[in-house]
Amino acid sequence: MSSLTRRLALKLFGIGAALFGLEKRSQAQGKPEAKSSDPTVSWSNTHDRVWLGADCWANPMEDWRIVDGAAECQSIGGDRNIHLI
């Protein structure tokens, strides 16, 4: 057998890396997802407050409040929105 050349070493390394990657992928596919596919915010269980929560981004943030279990905008200006993070 010929000596181990650089080209042969790179081929063997590539094959080994590919096989290792395929093994990890097959193990990961067997696990169920822990995340819910439908994210929601439950403000009905919280008290009235100024802060919407850590999972929401309001634009502009100082115009929004939680009142009676719902987000309420305190300003009449346009371009107001809330994003679920």
C-alpha atoms as a PDB file:
ATOM      1  CA  MET A   1       0.000   0.000   0.000  1.00  0.00           C
ATOM      2  CA  SER A   2       1.210   3.496  -0.773  1.00  0.00           C
ATOM      3  CA  SER A   3       1.922   6.004   1.938  1.00  0.00           C
ATOM      4  CA  LEU A   4      -0.807   8.223   3.311  1.00  0.00           C
ATOM      5  CA  THR A   5      -0.947  11.230   1.005  1.00  0.00           C
ATOM      6  CA  ARG A   6      -2.493  14.546   1.775  1.00  0.00           C
ATOM      7  CA  ARG A   7      -5.295  13.908  -0.715  1.00  0.00           C
ATOM      8  CA  LEU A   8      -6.162  10.518   0.818  1.00  0.00           C
ATOM      9  CA  ALA A   9      -6.088  11.978   4.351  1.00  0.00           C
ATOM     10  CA  LEU A  10      -8.532  14.744   3.340  1.00  0.00           C
ATOM     11  CA  LYS A  11     -10.857  12.200   1.712  1.00  0.00           C
ATOM     12  CA  LEU A  12     -10.858  10.021   4.822  1.00  0.00           C
ATOM     13  CA  PHE A  13     -11.453  13.025   7.043  1.00  0.00           C
ATOM     14  CA  GLY A  14     -14.372  14.152   4.853  1.00  0.00           C
ATOM     15  CA  ILE A  15     -15.981  10.707   4.869  1.00  0.00           C
ATOM     16  CA  GLY A  16     -15.605  10.448   8.647  1.00  0.00           C
ATOM     17  CA  ALA A  17     -17.108  13.900   9.191  1.00  0.00           C
ATOM     18  CA  ALA A  18     -20.041  13.098   6.887  1.00  0.00           C
ATOM     19  CA  LEU A  19     -20.779   9.834   8.683  1.00  0.00           C
ATOM     20  CA  PHE A  20     -20.548  11.515  12.075  1.00  0.00           C
ATOM     21  CA  GLY A  21     -22.952  14.255  10.913  1.00  0.00           C
ATOM     22  CA  LEU A  22     -25.456  11.733   9.550  1.00  0.00           C
ATOM     23  CA  GLU A  23     -25.453   9.840  12.842  1.00  0.00           C
ATOM     24  CA  LYS A  24     -26.177  13.008  14.846  1.00  0.00           C
ATOM     25  CA  ARG A  25     -28.982  14.004  12.455  1.00  0.00           C
ATOM     26  CA  SER A  26     -30.702  10.618  12.698  1.00  0.00           C
ATOM     27  CA  GLN A  27     -30.602  10.786  16.504  1.00  0.00           C
ATOM     28  CA  ALA A  28     -32.061  14.319  16.532  1.00  0.00           C
ATOM     29  CA  GLN A  29     -34.940  13.423  14.208  1.00  0.00           C
ATOM     30  CA  GLY A  30     -36.289  10.882  16.685  1.00  0.00           C
ATOM     31  CA  LYS A  31     -36.883  13.491  19.407  1.00  0.00           C
ATOM     32  CA  PRO A  32     -40.234  15.344  19.477  1.00  0.00           C
ATOM     33  CA  GLU A  33     -40.290  19.139  19.440  1.00  0.00           C
ATOM     34  CA  ALA A  34     -40.818  20.759  22.835  1.00  0.00           C
ATOM     35  CA  LYS A  35     -42.064  24.097  21.437  1.00  0.00           C
ATOM     36  CA  SER A  36     -45.691  24.849  20.793  1.00  0.00           C
ATOM     37  CA  SER A  37     -46.504  25.749  17.205  1.00  0.00           C
ATOM     38  CA  ASP A  38     -48.997  28.436  18.253  1.00  0.00           C
ATOM     39  CA  PRO A  39     -47.450  31.036  20.598  1.00  0.00           C
ATOM     40  CA  THR A  40     -49.903  33.056  22.692  1.00  0.00           C
ATOM     41  CA  VAL A  41     -49.932  35.667  25.436  1.00  0.00           C
ATOM     42  CA  SER A  42     -52.323  35.311  28.379  1.00  0.00           C
ATOM     43  CA  TRP A  43     -53.064  38.739  29.811  1.00  0.00           C
ATOM     44  CA  SER A  44     -56.382  37.622  31.316  1.00  0.00           C
ATOM     45  CA  ASN A  45     -54.539  36.069  34.292  1.00  0.00           C
ATOM     46  CA  THR A  46     -52.543  39.221  35.151  1.00  0.00           C
ATOM     47  CA  HIS A  47     -53.363  42.432  36.950  1.00  0.00           C
ATOM     48  CA  ASP A  48     -53.602  45.844  35.243  1.00  0.00           C
ATOM     49  CA  ARG A  49     -50.126  47.223  34.652  1.00  0.00           C
ATOM     50  CA  VAL A  50     -47.996  49.432  32.422  1.00  0.00           C
ATOM     51  CA  TRP A  51     -45.608  46.703  31.181  1.00  0.00           C
ATOM     52  CA  LEU A  52     -46.925  44.216  28.574  1.00  0.00           C
ATOM     53  CA  GLY A  53     -44.432  41.475  29.440  1.00  0.00           C
ATOM     54  CA  ALA A  54     -41.086  40.004  28.448  1.00  0.00           C
ATOM     55  CA  ASP A  55     -42.452  38.175  25.409  1.00  0.00           C
ATOM     56  CA  CYS A  56     -43.943  41.257  23.706  1.00  0.00           C
ATOM     57  CA  TRP A  57     -42.422  44.230  21.914  1.00  0.00           C
ATOM     58  CA  ALA A  58     -44.720  47.243  21.671  1.00  0.00           C
ATOM     59  CA  ASN A  59     -44.126  50.184  19.368  1.00  0.00           C
ATOM     60  CA  PRO A  60     -43.955  52.743  21.002  1.00  0.00           C
ATOM     61  CA  MET A  61     -43.670  50.877  24.271  1.00  0.00           C
ATOM     62  CA  GLU A  62     -44.751  53.722  26.556  1.00  0.00           C
ATOM     63  CA  ASP A  63     -48.182  53.978  24.855  1.00  0.00           C
ATOM     64  CA  TRP A  64     -49.381  50.476  25.829  1.00  0.00           C
ATOM     65  CA  ARG A  65     -50.980  49.169  29.058  1.00  0.00           C
ATOM     66  CA  ILE A  66     -52.747  45.997  30.197  1.00  0.00           C
ATOM     67  CA  VAL A  67     -56.304  46.895  31.228  1.00  0.00           C
ATOM     68  CA  ASP A  68     -58.945  44.283  32.138  1.00  0.00           C
ATOM     69  CA  GLY A  69     -56.924  41.415  30.633  1.00  0.00           C
ATOM     70  CA  ALA A  70     -56.176  43.032  27.260  1.00  0.00           C
ATOM     71  CA  ALA A  71     -53.528  45.275  25.716  1.00  0.00           C
ATOM     72  CA  GLU A  72     -54.778  48.804  25.323  1.00  0.00           C
ATOM     73  CA  CYS A  73     -53.143  51.712  23.516  1.00  0.00           C
ATOM     74  CA  GLN A  74     -53.244  54.961  25.504  1.00  0.00           C
ATOM     75  CA  SER A  75     -52.492  57.204  22.523  1.00  0.00           C
ATOM     76  CA  ILE A  76     -54.634  58.063  19.502  1.00  0.00           C
ATOM     77  CA  GLY A  77     -51.696  58.377  17.105  1.00  0.00           C
ATOM     78  CA  GLY A  78     -51.110  56.021  14.189  1.00  0.00           C
ATOM     79  CA  ASP A  79     -48.437  53.376  13.618  1.00  0.00           C
ATOM     80  CA  ARG A  80     -48.938  51.575  16.934  1.00  0.00           C
ATOM     81  CA  ASN A  81     -48.348  47.811  17.073  1.00  0.00           C
ATOM     82  CA  ILE A  82     -47.355  44.871  19.278  1.00  0.00           C
ATOM     83  CA  HIS A  83     -45.062  42.003  18.245  1.00  0.00           C
ATOM     84  CA  LEU A  84     -44.862  38.635  19.990  1.00  0.00           C
ATOM     85  CA  ILE A  85     -41.191  37.743  20.437  1.00  0.00           C
END
